Amino acid sequence: MEELVIKGLVKTIGVSNFNIQQLKRLLAADNLRYKPAVNQVEVHPYYTNNELLDYCKQENIVVTAYSPLGRGAADSSDPYQPANVLVDKTIQKIAAKYNKTAAQVILRWGVDRGYTLVPKSVTPARIQQNIEIFDFSLTEEEVKTISNLNQDYKCIHQELYRDHPEYPF
């Protein structure tokens, strides 16, 4: 990947699903010429990933959140079926205050926390709504309230790779 930078084919390099230990090892590598500009990881109100976000900020690595809206699922104690963050009562209450959707509040929460987001949608109306998050901001207290919803629920599980020595989760 560094050769692509050298050749001018890309400006920066990014990584995905790197945890703190993997980032530290990469950044400490003697032969590292270009540190990653971005780390794409799962982040949403039920998986706030605070420690990794703080580390990336300290290292000037931008975080891009995938699954920023979590994933809709029935309430369950099964860690592979986390509750649907879009129907969370706390988020619904904040959404009503701003006359916004729960998704818009969650996306705004991410922006207010300082990372980029890649929400998934194929519905034109939802795509438009996802863009309409820059006409309001959450209060510091609301950001903290949503952050306190963390349940360490990951939506994306890569169990197939659990035995791999580089398994990041």
N, C-alpha and C. Protein backbone atom coordinates (compact mmCIF):
# COMPACT_ATOMS: atom_id res chain seq x y z
N MET A 1 0.83 -1.19 0.00
CA MET A 1 0.00 0.00 0.00
C MET A 1 0.87 1.26 0.00
N GLU A 2 1.98 1.21 0.70
CA GLU A 2 2.86 2.38 0.72
C GLU A 2 3.41 2.70 -0.66
N GLU A 3 3.62 1.68 -1.47
CA GLU A 3 4.09 1.90 -2.85
C GLU A 3 3.08 2.71 -3.65
N LEU A 4 1.79 2.54 -3.36
CA LEU A 4 0.76 3.32 -4.05
C LEU A 4 0.88 4.80 -3.72
N VAL A 5 1.24 5.11 -2.48
CA VAL A 5 1.46 6.51 -2.09
C VAL A 5 2.70 7.04 -2.82
N ILE A 6 3.74 6.27 -2.80
CA ILE A 6 5.00 6.69 -3.45
C ILE A 6 4.77 6.96 -4.93
N LYS A 7 3.98 6.13 -5.57
CA LYS A 7 3.70 6.30 -7.00
C LYS A 7 2.67 7.40 -7.28
N GLY A 8 2.09 7.96 -6.23
CA GLY A 8 1.11 9.02 -6.40
C GLY A 8 -0.27 8.52 -6.81
N LEU A 9 -0.51 7.24 -6.66
CA LEU A 9 -1.81 6.68 -7.04
C LEU A 9 -2.86 6.88 -5.95
N VAL A 10 -2.43 7.03 -4.72
CA VAL A 10 -3.31 7.35 -3.61
C VAL A 10 -2.61 8.38 -2.73
N LYS A 11 -3.39 9.16 -2.01
CA LYS A 11 -2.80 10.18 -1.13
C LYS A 11 -2.52 9.63 0.26
N THR A 12 -3.39 8.75 0.74
CA THR A 12 -3.23 8.22 2.09
C THR A 12 -3.64 6.76 2.10
N ILE A 13 -3.31 6.11 3.21
CA ILE A 13 -3.64 4.70 3.42
C ILE A 13 -4.58 4.60 4.62
N GLY A 14 -5.51 3.70 4.55
CA GLY A 14 -6.39 3.44 5.67
C GLY A 14 -6.37 1.97 6.05
N VAL A 15 -6.83 1.71 7.25
CA VAL A 15 -6.96 0.33 7.73
C VAL A 15 -8.39 0.13 8.20
N SER A 16 -8.74 -1.11 8.42
CA SER A 16 -10.08 -1.42 8.87
C SER A 16 -10.02 -2.47 9.98
N ASN A 17 -10.81 -2.25 11.00
CA ASN A 17 -10.94 -3.18 12.13
C ASN A 17 -9.64 -3.38 12.89
N PHE A 18 -8.77 -2.39 12.89
CA PHE A 18 -7.56 -2.48 13.70
C PHE A 18 -7.91 -2.07 15.13
N ASN A 19 -7.49 -2.89 16.08
CA ASN A 19 -7.66 -2.52 17.48
C ASN A 19 -6.42 -1.75 17.94
N ILE A 20 -6.41 -1.32 19.18
CA ILE A 20 -5.31 -0.49 19.68
C ILE A 20 -3.97 -1.23 19.60
N GLN A 21 -3.95 -2.50 19.99
CA GLN A 21 -2.69 -3.25 19.96
C GLN A 21 -2.16 -3.35 18.53
N GLN A 22 -3.04 -3.59 17.57
CA GLN A 22 -2.60 -3.69 16.18
C GLN A 22 -2.09 -2.34 15.67
N LEU A 23 -2.78 -1.27 16.04
CA LEU A 23 -2.32 0.06 15.63
C LEU A 23 -0.96 0.38 16.24
N LYS A 24 -0.78 0.08 17.51
CA LYS A 24 0.50 0.35 18.17
C LYS A 24 1.63 -0.41 17.49
N ARG A 25 1.36 -1.67 17.17
CA ARG A 25 2.39 -2.47 16.51
C ARG A 25 2.72 -1.89 15.13
N LEU A 26 1.70 -1.49 14.40
CA LEU A 26 1.92 -0.90 13.08
C LEU A 26 2.70 0.41 13.18
N LEU A 27 2.28 1.26 14.10
CA LEU A 27 2.94 2.57 14.24
C LEU A 27 4.38 2.45 14.73
N ALA A 28 4.69 1.37 15.43
CA ALA A 28 6.04 1.17 15.95
C ALA A 28 6.96 0.44 14.96
N ALA A 29 6.41 0.01 13.84
CA ALA A 29 7.20 -0.75 12.86
C ALA A 29 8.35 0.11 12.33
N ASP A 30 9.54 -0.46 12.33
CA ASP A 30 10.73 0.26 11.86
C ASP A 30 10.62 0.67 10.40
N ASN A 31 9.93 -0.12 9.61
CA ASN A 31 9.87 0.14 8.18
C ASN A 31 8.61 0.92 7.75
N LEU A 32 7.86 1.45 8.71
CA LEU A 32 6.66 2.21 8.38
C LEU A 32 7.05 3.55 7.74
N ARG A 33 6.53 3.79 6.57
CA ARG A 33 6.81 5.06 5.89
C ARG A 33 5.60 6.00 5.96
N TYR A 34 4.41 5.44 5.94
CA TYR A 34 3.17 6.24 5.97
C TYR A 34 2.21 5.63 6.97
N LYS A 35 1.92 6.38 7.99
CA LYS A 35 0.98 5.85 8.98
C LYS A 35 -0.43 5.94 8.41
N PRO A 36 -1.32 5.08 8.88
CA PRO A 36 -2.69 5.12 8.34
C PRO A 36 -3.37 6.44 8.68
N ALA A 37 -4.12 6.94 7.73
CA ALA A 37 -4.86 8.18 7.94
C ALA A 37 -6.22 7.91 8.55
N VAL A 38 -6.72 6.69 8.37
CA VAL A 38 -8.07 6.36 8.83
C VAL A 38 -8.12 4.91 9.29
N ASN A 39 -8.98 4.67 10.26
CA ASN A 39 -9.28 3.31 10.73
C ASN A 39 -10.80 3.18 10.69
N GLN A 40 -11.28 2.29 9.86
CA GLN A 40 -12.73 2.08 9.75
C GLN A 40 -13.13 0.95 10.69
N VAL A 41 -14.01 1.28 11.64
CA VAL A 41 -14.43 0.33 12.68
C VAL A 41 -15.91 0.50 12.99
N GLU A 42 -16.46 -0.47 13.66
CA GLU A 42 -17.86 -0.39 14.07
C GLU A 42 -17.99 0.58 15.25
N VAL A 43 -18.94 1.51 15.12
CA VAL A 43 -19.26 2.45 16.20
C VAL A 43 -20.74 2.80 16.09
N HIS A 44 -21.46 2.70 17.17
CA HIS A 44 -22.86 3.13 17.27
C HIS A 44 -23.19 3.27 18.75
N PRO A 45 -24.35 3.79 19.10
CA PRO A 45 -24.65 4.03 20.52
C PRO A 45 -24.58 2.80 21.42
N TYR A 46 -24.77 1.61 20.87
CA TYR A 46 -24.68 0.40 21.69
C TYR A 46 -23.28 -0.21 21.64
N TYR A 47 -22.39 0.38 20.85
CA TYR A 47 -20.98 -0.03 20.81
C TYR A 47 -20.15 1.23 20.55
N THR A 48 -19.90 1.99 21.60
CA THR A 48 -19.31 3.31 21.46
C THR A 48 -17.81 3.29 21.15
N ASN A 49 -17.13 2.19 21.47
CA ASN A 49 -15.74 2.01 21.09
C ASN A 49 -14.85 3.17 21.57
N ASN A 50 -15.16 3.71 22.74
CA ASN A 50 -14.50 4.93 23.25
C ASN A 50 -12.99 4.85 23.32
N GLU A 51 -12.48 3.75 23.85
CA GLU A 51 -11.03 3.64 24.04
C GLU A 51 -10.30 3.71 22.69
N LEU A 52 -10.82 3.02 21.69
CA LEU A 52 -10.19 3.04 20.37
C LEU A 52 -10.32 4.42 19.74
N LEU A 53 -11.49 5.06 19.87
CA LEU A 53 -11.66 6.40 19.32
C LEU A 53 -10.68 7.38 19.96
N ASP A 54 -10.51 7.29 21.27
CA ASP A 54 -9.56 8.16 21.96
C ASP A 54 -8.13 7.92 21.48
N TYR A 55 -7.76 6.67 21.33
CA TYR A 55 -6.40 6.35 20.86
C TYR A 55 -6.18 6.89 19.45
N CYS A 56 -7.15 6.66 18.57
CA CYS A 56 -7.00 7.15 17.20
C CYS A 56 -6.89 8.67 17.17
N LYS A 57 -7.67 9.34 17.99
CA LYS A 57 -7.58 10.80 18.04
C LYS A 57 -6.19 11.23 18.50
N GLN A 58 -5.68 10.57 19.51
CA GLN A 58 -4.33 10.86 20.03
C GLN A 58 -3.28 10.68 18.94
N GLU A 59 -3.48 9.71 18.06
CA GLU A 59 -2.51 9.42 17.00
C GLU A 59 -2.83 10.12 15.68
N ASN A 60 -3.83 11.00 15.71
CA ASN A 60 -4.26 11.72 14.50
C ASN A 60 -4.68 10.77 13.38
N ILE A 61 -5.39 9.73 13.77
CA ILE A 61 -5.96 8.79 12.81
C ILE A 61 -7.47 9.01 12.83
N VAL A 62 -8.04 9.33 11.69
CA VAL A 62 -9.48 9.57 11.59
C VAL A 62 -10.20 8.23 11.74
N VAL A 63 -11.28 8.23 12.49
CA VAL A 63 -12.12 7.04 12.60
C VAL A 63 -13.31 7.23 11.67
N THR A 64 -13.59 6.20 10.90
CA THR A 64 -14.80 6.15 10.10
C THR A 64 -15.65 5.01 10.65
N ALA A 65 -16.86 5.34 11.06
CA ALA A 65 -17.74 4.34 11.66
C ALA A 65 -18.56 3.64 10.60
N TYR A 66 -18.47 2.31 10.60
CA TYR A 66 -19.44 1.54 9.82
C TYR A 66 -20.51 1.03 10.78
N SER A 67 -21.66 0.70 10.25
CA SER A 67 -22.83 0.33 11.06
C SER A 67 -23.14 1.40 12.11
N PRO A 68 -23.10 2.70 11.74
CA PRO A 68 -23.31 3.74 12.74
C PRO A 68 -24.73 3.76 13.31
N LEU A 69 -25.65 3.09 12.65
CA LEU A 69 -27.02 3.01 13.15
C LEU A 69 -27.29 1.68 13.83
N GLY A 70 -26.24 0.92 14.07
CA GLY A 70 -26.42 -0.42 14.59
C GLY A 70 -27.10 -1.27 13.53
N ARG A 71 -27.83 -2.24 13.97
CA ARG A 71 -28.57 -3.06 13.03
C ARG A 71 -29.89 -3.40 13.70
N GLY A 72 -30.97 -3.16 13.02
CA GLY A 72 -32.29 -3.47 13.58
C GLY A 72 -32.43 -4.94 13.88
N ALA A 73 -32.84 -5.25 15.09
CA ALA A 73 -33.06 -6.64 15.50
C ALA A 73 -33.99 -6.62 16.69
N ALA A 74 -34.62 -7.74 16.94
CA ALA A 74 -35.50 -7.85 18.09
C ALA A 74 -34.68 -7.78 19.37
N ASP A 75 -35.29 -7.23 20.44
CA ASP A 75 -34.60 -7.21 21.73
C ASP A 75 -34.28 -8.64 22.13
N SER A 76 -33.06 -8.85 22.59
CA SER A 76 -32.63 -10.19 22.95
C SER A 76 -31.41 -10.09 23.83
N SER A 77 -31.21 -11.09 24.66
CA SER A 77 -29.98 -11.13 25.46
C SER A 77 -28.86 -11.79 24.68
N ASP A 78 -29.16 -12.33 23.51
CA ASP A 78 -28.16 -12.93 22.64
C ASP A 78 -27.25 -11.82 22.11
N PRO A 79 -25.93 -11.88 22.36
CA PRO A 79 -25.03 -10.81 21.91
C PRO A 79 -24.99 -10.67 20.39
N TYR A 80 -25.46 -11.66 19.68
CA TYR A 80 -25.49 -11.57 18.22
C TYR A 80 -26.79 -10.99 17.72
N GLN A 81 -27.69 -10.67 18.60
CA GLN A 81 -28.95 -10.04 18.25
C GLN A 81 -29.19 -8.85 19.17
N PRO A 82 -28.39 -7.81 19.03
CA PRO A 82 -28.55 -6.66 19.93
C PRO A 82 -29.89 -5.95 19.69
N ALA A 83 -30.31 -5.26 20.70
CA ALA A 83 -31.53 -4.48 20.59
C ALA A 83 -31.39 -3.44 19.48
N ASN A 84 -32.49 -3.04 18.93
CA ASN A 84 -32.52 -2.08 17.83
C ASN A 84 -32.34 -0.67 18.40
N VAL A 85 -31.19 -0.07 18.16
CA VAL A 85 -30.87 1.26 18.69
C VAL A 85 -31.83 2.31 18.14
N LEU A 86 -32.40 2.09 16.97
CA LEU A 86 -33.30 3.07 16.36
C LEU A 86 -34.61 3.23 17.13
N VAL A 87 -34.95 2.27 17.96
CA VAL A 87 -36.18 2.39 18.75
C VAL A 87 -35.88 2.65 20.23
N ASP A 88 -34.65 2.92 20.54
CA ASP A 88 -34.27 3.22 21.91
C ASP A 88 -35.05 4.44 22.40
N LYS A 89 -35.64 4.34 23.57
CA LYS A 89 -36.49 5.42 24.10
C LYS A 89 -35.71 6.72 24.33
N THR A 90 -34.48 6.61 24.76
CA THR A 90 -33.66 7.81 24.98
C THR A 90 -33.43 8.54 23.66
N ILE A 91 -33.08 7.80 22.64
CA ILE A 91 -32.84 8.41 21.33
C ILE A 91 -34.13 8.94 20.74
N GLN A 92 -35.21 8.22 20.91
CA GLN A 92 -36.52 8.68 20.42
C GLN A 92 -36.91 10.01 21.08
N LYS A 93 -36.65 10.14 22.36
CA LYS A 93 -36.98 11.38 23.08
C LYS A 93 -36.17 12.56 22.54
N ILE A 94 -34.88 12.34 22.32
CA ILE A 94 -34.03 13.40 21.77
C ILE A 94 -34.48 13.74 20.35
N ALA A 95 -34.82 12.72 19.57
CA ALA A 95 -35.28 12.95 18.19
C ALA A 95 -36.54 13.80 18.18
N ALA A 96 -37.46 13.54 19.08
CA ALA A 96 -38.70 14.32 19.15
C ALA A 96 -38.40 15.78 19.48
N LYS A 97 -37.44 16.01 20.37
CA LYS A 97 -37.06 17.38 20.75
C LYS A 97 -36.64 18.18 19.52
N TYR A 98 -35.90 17.56 18.62
CA TYR A 98 -35.37 18.26 17.45
C TYR A 98 -36.22 18.06 16.19
N ASN A 99 -37.33 17.33 16.33
CA ASN A 99 -38.17 17.00 15.17
C ASN A 99 -37.33 16.30 14.10
N LYS A 100 -36.54 15.34 14.53
CA LYS A 100 -35.67 14.56 13.66
C LYS A 100 -35.97 13.08 13.85
N THR A 101 -35.43 12.25 12.97
CA THR A 101 -35.58 10.81 13.13
C THR A 101 -34.51 10.30 14.10
N ALA A 102 -34.72 9.11 14.61
CA ALA A 102 -33.71 8.49 15.47
C ALA A 102 -32.39 8.35 14.72
N ALA A 103 -32.47 7.96 13.45
CA ALA A 103 -31.25 7.81 12.65
C ALA A 103 -30.50 9.13 12.55
N GLN A 104 -31.22 10.22 12.35
CA GLN A 104 -30.56 11.53 12.24
C GLN A 104 -29.88 11.90 13.55
N VAL A 105 -30.50 11.60 14.66
CA VAL A 105 -29.90 11.90 15.97
C VAL A 105 -28.64 11.06 16.17
N ILE A 106 -28.69 9.79 15.81
CA ILE A 106 -27.52 8.92 15.96
C ILE A 106 -26.38 9.38 15.07
N LEU A 107 -26.69 9.74 13.84
CA LEU A 107 -25.64 10.22 12.93
C LEU A 107 -25.05 11.53 13.44
N ARG A 108 -25.91 12.41 13.95
CA ARG A 108 -25.43 13.68 14.50
C ARG A 108 -24.54 13.43 15.71
N TRP A 109 -24.93 12.46 16.54
CA TRP A 109 -24.13 12.07 17.70
C TRP A 109 -22.72 11.69 17.25
N GLY A 110 -22.61 10.93 16.18
CA GLY A 110 -21.31 10.55 15.66
C GLY A 110 -20.51 11.75 15.18
N VAL A 111 -21.15 12.63 14.45
CA VAL A 111 -20.48 13.84 13.96
C VAL A 111 -20.03 14.69 15.15
N ASP A 112 -20.90 14.85 16.14
CA ASP A 112 -20.56 15.65 17.31
C ASP A 112 -19.42 15.02 18.12
N ARG A 113 -19.25 13.71 18.01
CA ARG A 113 -18.15 13.03 18.69
C ARG A 113 -16.86 13.10 17.89
N GLY A 114 -16.94 13.55 16.64
CA GLY A 114 -15.72 13.82 15.89
C GLY A 114 -15.25 12.74 14.93
N TYR A 115 -16.12 11.84 14.52
CA TYR A 115 -15.69 10.86 13.54
C TYR A 115 -16.59 10.90 12.31
N THR A 116 -16.13 10.26 11.24
CA THR A 116 -16.91 10.20 10.02
C THR A 116 -17.75 8.93 10.03
N LEU A 117 -18.80 8.92 9.21
CA LEU A 117 -19.74 7.80 9.24
C LEU A 117 -20.07 7.34 7.83
N VAL A 118 -20.36 6.06 7.71
CA VAL A 118 -20.85 5.52 6.45
C VAL A 118 -22.11 4.69 6.72
N PRO A 119 -23.25 5.39 6.81
CA PRO A 119 -24.50 4.65 7.02
C PRO A 119 -24.90 3.94 5.74
N LYS A 120 -25.51 2.79 5.89
CA LYS A 120 -25.94 2.01 4.74
C LYS A 120 -27.44 2.22 4.53
N SER A 121 -27.79 2.53 3.31
CA SER A 121 -29.21 2.61 2.95
C SER A 121 -29.32 2.54 1.44
N VAL A 122 -30.39 1.93 0.98
CA VAL A 122 -30.70 1.90 -0.45
C VAL A 122 -31.99 2.66 -0.73
N THR A 123 -32.61 3.17 0.33
CA THR A 123 -33.88 3.89 0.20
C THR A 123 -33.60 5.37 -0.01
N PRO A 124 -34.00 5.93 -1.15
CA PRO A 124 -33.70 7.34 -1.43
C PRO A 124 -34.14 8.30 -0.32
N ALA A 125 -35.30 8.09 0.26
CA ALA A 125 -35.77 8.99 1.32
C ALA A 125 -34.86 8.92 2.54
N ARG A 126 -34.41 7.73 2.88
CA ARG A 126 -33.51 7.59 4.04
C ARG A 126 -32.13 8.17 3.73
N ILE A 127 -31.67 7.99 2.52
CA ILE A 127 -30.39 8.57 2.14
C ILE A 127 -30.46 10.09 2.29
N GLN A 128 -31.57 10.68 1.84
CA GLN A 128 -31.76 12.13 1.98
C GLN A 128 -31.80 12.53 3.45
N GLN A 129 -32.53 11.76 4.27
CA GLN A 129 -32.59 12.07 5.70
C GLN A 129 -31.21 11.98 6.35
N ASN A 130 -30.42 11.00 5.91
CA ASN A 130 -29.08 10.84 6.49
C ASN A 130 -28.19 12.05 6.23
N ILE A 131 -28.47 12.77 5.17
CA ILE A 131 -27.70 13.98 4.84
C ILE A 131 -28.17 15.17 5.68
N GLU A 132 -29.42 15.15 6.09
CA GLU A 132 -30.02 16.30 6.77
C GLU A 132 -29.75 16.29 8.27
N ILE A 133 -28.48 16.29 8.61
CA ILE A 133 -28.08 16.27 10.02
C ILE A 133 -27.22 17.48 10.40
N PHE A 134 -27.09 18.41 9.48
CA PHE A 134 -26.20 19.54 9.74
C PHE A 134 -26.94 20.83 10.10
N ASP A 135 -28.24 20.71 10.33
CA ASP A 135 -29.02 21.88 10.72
C ASP A 135 -29.35 21.87 12.22
N PHE A 136 -28.70 20.97 12.96
CA PHE A 136 -28.87 20.95 14.42
C PHE A 136 -27.63 20.31 15.03
N SER A 137 -27.43 20.55 16.29
CA SER A 137 -26.36 19.91 17.06
C SER A 137 -26.94 19.44 18.37
N LEU A 138 -26.36 18.40 18.90
CA LEU A 138 -26.77 17.91 20.20
C LEU A 138 -26.02 18.68 21.29
N THR A 139 -26.63 18.79 22.43
CA THR A 139 -25.93 19.40 23.56
C THR A 139 -24.87 18.43 24.06
N GLU A 140 -23.92 18.94 24.82
CA GLU A 140 -22.90 18.08 25.42
C GLU A 140 -23.56 17.01 26.27
N GLU A 141 -24.58 17.40 27.00
CA GLU A 141 -25.29 16.44 27.86
C GLU A 141 -25.98 15.35 27.04
N GLU A 142 -26.56 15.71 25.91
CA GLU A 142 -27.21 14.71 25.05
C GLU A 142 -26.19 13.75 24.45
N VAL A 143 -25.03 14.26 24.07
CA VAL A 143 -23.97 13.39 23.56
C VAL A 143 -23.57 12.40 24.64
N LYS A 144 -23.40 12.88 25.86
CA LYS A 144 -23.05 11.99 26.98
C LYS A 144 -24.15 10.98 27.25
N THR A 145 -25.40 11.43 27.21
CA THR A 145 -26.53 10.54 27.46
C THR A 145 -26.57 9.40 26.45
N ILE A 146 -26.38 9.74 25.17
CA ILE A 146 -26.38 8.70 24.14
C ILE A 146 -25.16 7.80 24.31
N SER A 147 -24.02 8.39 24.63
CA SER A 147 -22.81 7.59 24.83
C SER A 147 -22.98 6.60 25.98
N ASN A 148 -23.76 6.97 26.97
CA ASN A 148 -24.00 6.09 28.11
C ASN A 148 -24.91 4.91 27.78
N LEU A 149 -25.44 4.87 26.56
CA LEU A 149 -26.25 3.73 26.13
C LEU A 149 -25.39 2.52 25.77
N ASN A 150 -24.07 2.70 25.78
CA ASN A 150 -23.16 1.63 25.39
C ASN A 150 -23.49 0.33 26.10
N GLN A 151 -23.54 -0.75 25.32
CA GLN A 151 -23.78 -2.09 25.87
C GLN A 151 -22.73 -3.07 25.37
N ASP A 152 -21.71 -2.57 24.69
CA ASP A 152 -20.68 -3.41 24.07
C ASP A 152 -21.29 -4.45 23.13
N TYR A 153 -22.35 -4.06 22.45
CA TYR A 153 -22.99 -4.92 21.45
C TYR A 153 -22.39 -4.66 20.08
N LYS A 154 -21.74 -5.63 19.53
CA LYS A 154 -21.25 -5.53 18.16
C LYS A 154 -22.27 -6.12 17.22
N CYS A 155 -22.48 -5.46 16.12
CA CYS A 155 -23.39 -5.97 15.08
C CYS A 155 -22.66 -6.89 14.12
N ILE A 156 -21.39 -6.62 13.91
CA ILE A 156 -20.61 -7.37 12.95
C ILE A 156 -19.70 -8.34 13.71
N HIS A 157 -19.92 -9.61 13.47
CA HIS A 157 -19.11 -10.64 14.12
C HIS A 157 -18.42 -11.45 13.04
N GLN A 158 -17.18 -11.67 13.24
CA GLN A 158 -16.40 -12.42 12.26
C GLN A 158 -15.84 -13.66 12.95
N GLU A 159 -16.75 -14.47 13.44
CA GLU A 159 -16.37 -15.66 14.21
C GLU A 159 -15.50 -16.62 13.42
N LEU A 160 -15.66 -16.64 12.12
CA LEU A 160 -14.86 -17.51 11.27
C LEU A 160 -13.37 -17.29 11.50
N TYR A 161 -13.01 -16.07 11.89
CA TYR A 161 -11.60 -15.71 12.04
C TYR A 161 -11.14 -15.68 13.50
N ARG A 162 -11.98 -16.10 14.43
CA ARG A 162 -11.67 -15.99 15.86
C ARG A 162 -10.33 -16.62 16.23
N ASP A 163 -9.94 -17.70 15.59
CA ASP A 163 -8.69 -18.39 15.94
C ASP A 163 -7.47 -17.80 15.25
N HIS A 164 -7.67 -16.82 14.39
CA HIS A 164 -6.54 -16.20 13.71
C HIS A 164 -5.77 -15.33 14.70
N PRO A 165 -4.45 -15.34 14.66
CA PRO A 165 -3.67 -14.56 15.63
C PRO A 165 -3.90 -13.05 15.53
N GLU A 166 -4.41 -12.57 14.42
CA GLU A 166 -4.66 -11.14 14.25
C GLU A 166 -6.13 -10.79 14.44
N TYR A 167 -6.94 -11.70 14.97
CA TYR A 167 -8.36 -11.44 15.19
C TYR A 167 -8.48 -10.19 16.06
N PRO A 168 -9.11 -9.11 15.53
CA PRO A 168 -9.05 -7.82 16.23
C PRO A 168 -10.07 -7.62 17.35
N PHE A 169 -11.02 -8.53 17.50
CA PHE A 169 -12.09 -8.25 18.45
C PHE A 169 -11.91 -9.00 19.75
